[in-house]
């Protein structure tokens, strides 16, 4: 990953975080890492834990398309590890936030449900 893409990713995460915080969400972790992978943002919206994947690309469609099935599997496995330390029955949701080159963010809530 180039320094420019790293900086772009960090800026996109900040934009996504501000979007959630403006609606009352609270940051629990940023770039949380475990053996299964990394979660860009972990937030609390009321009693719900929200796991957020953030993608920065030239446009929202390109960003959304850049998330591979393998990335979603790693995110889900990482979330399971995170939830292993949470109270039983904790509600969770998986969101995708895309950020284009102009800094416009689009949030896709609950991008997949439980299998």
N, C-alpha and C. Protein backbone atom coordinates (compact mmCIF):
# COMPACT_ATOMS: atom_id res chain seq x y z
N UNK A 1 0.85 -1.17 0.00
CA UNK A 1 0.00 0.00 0.00
C UNK A 1 0.89 1.23 0.00
N UNK A 2 0.63 2.14 -0.90
CA UNK A 2 1.43 3.35 -0.98
C UNK A 2 1.04 4.31 0.14
N UNK A 3 1.93 5.23 0.41
CA UNK A 3 1.65 6.24 1.44
C UNK A 3 0.39 7.03 1.09
N UNK A 4 0.21 7.34 -0.20
CA UNK A 4 -0.96 8.09 -0.64
C UNK A 4 -2.24 7.31 -0.39
N UNK A 5 -2.26 6.01 -0.71
CA UNK A 5 -3.47 5.22 -0.48
C UNK A 5 -3.72 5.05 1.02
N UNK A 6 -2.66 4.94 1.82
CA UNK A 6 -2.82 4.87 3.27
C UNK A 6 -3.46 6.16 3.79
N UNK A 7 -2.94 7.30 3.34
CA UNK A 7 -3.49 8.59 3.77
C UNK A 7 -4.93 8.75 3.31
N UNK A 8 -5.22 8.31 2.09
CA UNK A 8 -6.58 8.36 1.57
C UNK A 8 -7.51 7.50 2.42
N UNK A 9 -7.04 6.33 2.79
CA UNK A 9 -7.83 5.44 3.64
C UNK A 9 -8.09 6.03 5.01
N UNK A 10 -7.07 6.63 5.59
CA UNK A 10 -7.24 7.27 6.91
C UNK A 10 -8.23 8.43 6.84
N UNK A 11 -8.12 9.23 5.77
CA UNK A 11 -9.04 10.36 5.59
C UNK A 11 -10.47 9.86 5.41
N UNK A 12 -10.64 8.78 4.64
CA UNK A 12 -11.97 8.21 4.43
C UNK A 12 -12.55 7.68 5.73
N UNK A 13 -11.73 7.05 6.55
CA UNK A 13 -12.21 6.57 7.85
C UNK A 13 -12.66 7.72 8.73
N UNK A 14 -11.92 8.81 8.69
CA UNK A 14 -12.29 9.99 9.48
C UNK A 14 -13.64 10.56 9.01
N UNK A 15 -13.84 10.62 7.70
CA UNK A 15 -15.11 11.09 7.14
C UNK A 15 -16.25 10.18 7.60
N UNK A 16 -16.03 8.86 7.51
CA UNK A 16 -17.05 7.91 7.93
C UNK A 16 -17.34 8.04 9.42
N UNK A 17 -16.31 8.18 10.22
CA UNK A 17 -16.50 8.33 11.66
C UNK A 17 -17.33 9.56 11.98
N UNK A 18 -17.02 10.69 11.34
CA UNK A 18 -17.80 11.91 11.58
C UNK A 18 -19.25 11.74 11.19
N UNK A 19 -19.51 11.00 10.12
CA UNK A 19 -20.87 10.72 9.68
C UNK A 19 -21.66 10.00 10.76
N UNK A 20 -21.07 8.98 11.35
CA UNK A 20 -21.73 8.24 12.42
C UNK A 20 -21.86 9.06 13.70
N UNK A 21 -20.79 9.75 14.07
CA UNK A 21 -20.83 10.54 15.30
C UNK A 21 -21.88 11.65 15.22
N UNK A 22 -22.10 12.20 14.04
CA UNK A 22 -23.12 13.24 13.87
C UNK A 22 -24.51 12.72 14.19
N UNK A 23 -24.68 11.40 14.10
CA UNK A 23 -25.97 10.78 14.41
C UNK A 23 -25.97 10.11 15.78
N UNK A 24 -24.95 10.39 16.58
CA UNK A 24 -24.94 9.91 17.96
C UNK A 24 -24.19 8.63 18.22
N UNK A 25 -23.55 8.05 17.22
CA UNK A 25 -22.78 6.82 17.44
C UNK A 25 -21.52 7.15 18.24
N UNK A 26 -21.02 6.14 18.92
CA UNK A 26 -19.82 6.29 19.74
C UNK A 26 -18.75 5.32 19.24
N UNK A 27 -17.54 5.82 19.05
CA UNK A 27 -16.43 5.00 18.58
C UNK A 27 -15.98 4.05 19.69
N UNK A 28 -15.91 2.76 19.36
CA UNK A 28 -15.38 1.76 20.28
C UNK A 28 -13.96 1.37 19.91
N UNK A 29 -13.68 1.31 18.60
CA UNK A 29 -12.33 0.96 18.14
C UNK A 29 -12.15 1.41 16.70
N UNK A 30 -10.91 1.74 16.39
CA UNK A 30 -10.54 2.13 15.03
C UNK A 30 -9.39 1.24 14.60
N UNK A 31 -9.55 0.64 13.41
CA UNK A 31 -8.55 -0.29 12.88
C UNK A 31 -8.23 -1.39 13.88
N UNK A 32 -9.29 -2.00 14.39
CA UNK A 32 -9.16 -3.06 15.39
C UNK A 32 -8.65 -4.32 14.70
N UNK A 33 -7.57 -4.89 15.24
CA UNK A 33 -6.93 -6.05 14.63
C UNK A 33 -7.01 -7.26 15.53
N UNK A 34 -7.13 -8.40 14.86
CA UNK A 34 -7.11 -9.68 15.55
C UNK A 34 -6.52 -10.70 14.57
N UNK A 35 -6.49 -11.95 14.97
CA UNK A 35 -5.90 -12.98 14.11
C UNK A 35 -6.66 -13.13 12.78
N UNK A 36 -7.95 -12.83 12.78
CA UNK A 36 -8.76 -13.01 11.56
C UNK A 36 -8.63 -11.85 10.58
N UNK A 37 -8.24 -10.68 11.06
CA UNK A 37 -8.14 -9.52 10.18
C UNK A 37 -8.29 -8.22 10.92
N UNK A 38 -8.77 -7.22 10.19
CA UNK A 38 -8.91 -5.87 10.74
C UNK A 38 -10.31 -5.33 10.46
N UNK A 39 -10.83 -4.60 11.42
CA UNK A 39 -12.12 -3.92 11.24
C UNK A 39 -11.82 -2.42 11.26
N UNK A 40 -12.24 -1.72 10.20
CA UNK A 40 -11.93 -0.29 10.09
C UNK A 40 -12.49 0.50 11.26
N UNK A 41 -13.79 0.37 11.50
CA UNK A 41 -14.43 1.08 12.61
C UNK A 41 -15.37 0.14 13.34
N UNK A 42 -15.35 0.22 14.66
CA UNK A 42 -16.34 -0.47 15.49
C UNK A 42 -17.02 0.62 16.28
N UNK A 43 -18.34 0.70 16.14
CA UNK A 43 -19.11 1.78 16.75
C UNK A 43 -20.25 1.22 17.57
N UNK A 44 -20.74 2.02 18.49
CA UNK A 44 -21.95 1.69 19.24
C UNK A 44 -23.03 2.68 18.84
N UNK A 45 -24.15 2.14 18.37
CA UNK A 45 -25.35 2.93 18.11
C UNK A 45 -26.39 2.41 19.07
N UNK A 46 -26.55 3.10 20.19
CA UNK A 46 -27.42 2.58 21.24
C UNK A 46 -26.84 1.27 21.74
N UNK A 47 -27.63 0.22 21.69
CA UNK A 47 -27.18 -1.10 22.15
C UNK A 47 -26.60 -1.94 21.02
N UNK A 48 -26.56 -1.42 19.81
CA UNK A 48 -26.09 -2.17 18.65
C UNK A 48 -24.62 -1.85 18.36
N UNK A 49 -23.84 -2.89 18.15
CA UNK A 49 -22.45 -2.73 17.72
C UNK A 49 -22.46 -2.73 16.19
N UNK A 50 -21.81 -1.72 15.61
CA UNK A 50 -21.77 -1.58 14.16
C UNK A 50 -20.32 -1.77 13.70
N UNK A 51 -20.12 -2.77 12.84
CA UNK A 51 -18.82 -3.04 12.24
C UNK A 51 -18.83 -2.39 10.87
N UNK A 52 -17.86 -1.50 10.63
CA UNK A 52 -17.87 -0.71 9.41
C UNK A 52 -16.62 -0.97 8.58
N UNK A 53 -16.85 -1.30 7.31
CA UNK A 53 -15.78 -1.38 6.32
C UNK A 53 -15.82 -0.08 5.54
N UNK A 54 -14.69 0.61 5.42
CA UNK A 54 -14.62 1.89 4.71
C UNK A 54 -13.77 1.69 3.46
N UNK A 55 -14.29 2.15 2.32
CA UNK A 55 -13.55 2.06 1.07
C UNK A 55 -13.52 3.42 0.38
N UNK A 56 -12.33 3.85 0.01
CA UNK A 56 -12.14 5.11 -0.72
C UNK A 56 -11.70 4.78 -2.13
N UNK A 57 -12.47 5.27 -3.09
CA UNK A 57 -12.15 5.07 -4.50
C UNK A 57 -12.62 6.30 -5.26
N UNK A 58 -12.46 6.30 -6.58
CA UNK A 58 -12.84 7.48 -7.37
C UNK A 58 -14.34 7.76 -7.30
N UNK A 59 -15.16 6.70 -7.15
CA UNK A 59 -16.61 6.90 -7.03
C UNK A 59 -17.19 5.79 -6.15
N UNK A 60 -18.44 5.99 -5.73
CA UNK A 60 -19.07 5.05 -4.79
C UNK A 60 -19.21 3.66 -5.38
N UNK A 61 -19.56 3.56 -6.65
CA UNK A 61 -19.76 2.24 -7.27
C UNK A 61 -18.45 1.45 -7.30
N UNK A 62 -17.37 2.11 -7.66
CA UNK A 62 -16.06 1.45 -7.69
C UNK A 62 -15.65 1.02 -6.29
N UNK A 63 -15.92 1.86 -5.31
CA UNK A 63 -15.58 1.53 -3.93
C UNK A 63 -16.37 0.32 -3.46
N UNK A 64 -17.67 0.31 -3.71
CA UNK A 64 -18.50 -0.81 -3.27
C UNK A 64 -18.08 -2.11 -3.94
N UNK A 65 -17.75 -2.03 -5.22
CA UNK A 65 -17.35 -3.22 -5.97
C UNK A 65 -15.98 -3.75 -5.55
N UNK A 66 -15.19 -2.92 -4.86
CA UNK A 66 -13.84 -3.33 -4.49
C UNK A 66 -13.79 -4.25 -3.28
N UNK A 67 -14.90 -4.42 -2.59
CA UNK A 67 -14.93 -5.30 -1.42
C UNK A 67 -15.17 -6.72 -1.90
N UNK A 68 -14.19 -7.56 -1.66
CA UNK A 68 -14.27 -8.94 -2.14
C UNK A 68 -14.99 -9.84 -1.14
N UNK A 69 -15.51 -10.97 -1.58
CA UNK A 69 -16.10 -11.93 -0.64
C UNK A 69 -15.13 -12.34 0.46
N UNK A 70 -13.85 -12.48 0.12
CA UNK A 70 -12.86 -12.84 1.13
C UNK A 70 -12.73 -11.76 2.20
N UNK A 71 -12.82 -10.49 1.79
CA UNK A 71 -12.76 -9.40 2.78
C UNK A 71 -13.97 -9.46 3.71
N UNK A 72 -15.15 -9.72 3.15
CA UNK A 72 -16.35 -9.82 3.99
C UNK A 72 -16.23 -10.99 4.96
N UNK A 73 -15.66 -12.12 4.51
CA UNK A 73 -15.47 -13.26 5.41
C UNK A 73 -14.55 -12.89 6.56
N UNK A 74 -13.44 -12.20 6.24
CA UNK A 74 -12.51 -11.78 7.30
C UNK A 74 -13.18 -10.81 8.26
N UNK A 75 -13.99 -9.90 7.73
CA UNK A 75 -14.71 -8.96 8.59
C UNK A 75 -15.65 -9.71 9.53
N UNK A 76 -16.38 -10.66 8.98
CA UNK A 76 -17.32 -11.43 9.82
C UNK A 76 -16.58 -12.22 10.89
N UNK A 77 -15.48 -12.86 10.51
CA UNK A 77 -14.70 -13.62 11.50
C UNK A 77 -14.14 -12.70 12.57
N UNK A 78 -13.65 -11.54 12.17
CA UNK A 78 -13.12 -10.57 13.13
C UNK A 78 -14.23 -10.10 14.06
N UNK A 79 -15.41 -9.86 13.50
CA UNK A 79 -16.55 -9.42 14.32
C UNK A 79 -16.94 -10.50 15.32
N UNK A 80 -16.88 -11.76 14.91
CA UNK A 80 -17.19 -12.85 15.85
C UNK A 80 -16.22 -12.84 17.02
N UNK A 81 -14.96 -12.57 16.74
CA UNK A 81 -13.97 -12.49 17.82
C UNK A 81 -14.29 -11.31 18.73
N UNK A 82 -14.60 -10.15 18.13
CA UNK A 82 -14.97 -8.97 18.92
C UNK A 82 -16.18 -9.30 19.81
N UNK A 83 -17.20 -9.90 19.23
CA UNK A 83 -18.43 -10.19 19.96
C UNK A 83 -18.22 -11.25 21.04
N UNK A 84 -17.14 -12.02 20.92
CA UNK A 84 -16.83 -13.00 21.95
C UNK A 84 -16.54 -12.37 23.30
N UNK A 85 -16.21 -11.09 23.30
CA UNK A 85 -15.94 -10.38 24.55
C UNK A 85 -17.14 -9.52 24.99
N UNK A 86 -18.19 -9.50 24.17
CA UNK A 86 -19.38 -8.69 24.47
C UNK A 86 -20.39 -9.53 25.24
N UNK A 87 -21.34 -8.86 25.89
CA UNK A 87 -22.40 -9.62 26.58
C UNK A 87 -23.15 -10.52 25.60
N UNK A 88 -23.58 -11.69 26.03
CA UNK A 88 -24.34 -12.59 25.15
C UNK A 88 -25.57 -11.87 24.58
N UNK A 89 -25.85 -12.15 23.32
CA UNK A 89 -27.03 -11.56 22.68
C UNK A 89 -26.85 -10.14 22.18
N UNK A 90 -25.63 -9.64 22.18
CA UNK A 90 -25.39 -8.28 21.69
C UNK A 90 -25.78 -8.19 20.22
N UNK A 91 -26.61 -7.20 19.90
CA UNK A 91 -27.00 -6.98 18.50
C UNK A 91 -25.84 -6.36 17.75
N UNK A 92 -25.72 -6.72 16.47
CA UNK A 92 -24.68 -6.13 15.64
C UNK A 92 -25.20 -5.91 14.22
N UNK A 93 -24.46 -5.12 13.51
CA UNK A 93 -24.80 -4.80 12.13
C UNK A 93 -23.49 -4.57 11.37
N UNK A 94 -23.49 -4.84 10.07
CA UNK A 94 -22.33 -4.62 9.22
C UNK A 94 -22.68 -3.56 8.19
N UNK A 95 -21.91 -2.49 8.17
CA UNK A 95 -22.12 -1.39 7.23
C UNK A 95 -20.91 -1.24 6.32
N UNK A 96 -21.17 -0.67 5.16
CA UNK A 96 -20.10 -0.28 4.23
C UNK A 96 -20.24 1.21 4.00
N UNK A 97 -19.14 1.93 4.12
CA UNK A 97 -19.13 3.36 3.80
C UNK A 97 -18.15 3.54 2.65
N UNK A 98 -18.66 4.12 1.57
CA UNK A 98 -17.81 4.45 0.43
C UNK A 98 -17.55 5.95 0.44
N UNK A 99 -16.33 6.31 0.10
CA UNK A 99 -15.94 7.73 0.05
C UNK A 99 -15.29 7.97 -1.31
N UNK A 100 -15.84 8.95 -2.05
CA UNK A 100 -15.28 9.23 -3.37
C UNK A 100 -14.16 10.27 -3.27
N UNK A 101 -13.57 10.59 -4.40
CA UNK A 101 -12.43 11.51 -4.42
C UNK A 101 -12.77 12.92 -3.95
N UNK A 102 -14.05 13.28 -4.01
CA UNK A 102 -14.47 14.60 -3.54
C UNK A 102 -14.79 14.59 -2.04
N UNK A 103 -14.64 13.44 -1.41
CA UNK A 103 -14.90 13.33 0.02
C UNK A 103 -16.36 13.08 0.37
N UNK A 104 -17.17 12.75 -0.65
CA UNK A 104 -18.58 12.44 -0.39
C UNK A 104 -18.69 11.01 0.09
N UNK A 105 -19.43 10.85 1.19
CA UNK A 105 -19.59 9.52 1.77
C UNK A 105 -20.99 8.99 1.51
N UNK A 106 -21.05 7.70 1.24
CA UNK A 106 -22.32 7.00 1.10
C UNK A 106 -22.29 5.81 2.04
N UNK A 107 -23.32 5.70 2.85
CA UNK A 107 -23.37 4.63 3.85
C UNK A 107 -24.40 3.59 3.43
N UNK A 108 -23.99 2.36 3.38
CA UNK A 108 -24.88 1.24 3.12
C UNK A 108 -25.01 0.46 4.42
N UNK A 109 -26.18 0.53 5.01
CA UNK A 109 -26.41 -0.12 6.31
C UNK A 109 -26.78 -1.60 6.13
N UNK A 110 -26.33 -2.39 7.07
CA UNK A 110 -26.70 -3.80 7.14
C UNK A 110 -26.48 -4.49 5.79
N UNK A 111 -25.24 -4.44 5.32
CA UNK A 111 -24.92 -4.95 3.99
C UNK A 111 -25.10 -6.45 3.85
N UNK A 112 -25.08 -7.16 4.96
CA UNK A 112 -25.50 -8.56 4.93
C UNK A 112 -26.00 -8.93 6.30
N UNK A 113 -26.96 -9.82 6.30
CA UNK A 113 -27.55 -10.29 7.55
C UNK A 113 -26.94 -11.61 7.96
N UNK A 114 -27.47 -12.16 8.99
CA UNK A 114 -26.98 -13.43 9.48
C UNK A 114 -27.34 -14.53 8.49
N UNK A 115 -26.47 -15.50 8.35
CA UNK A 115 -26.74 -16.65 7.47
C UNK A 115 -27.65 -17.63 8.16
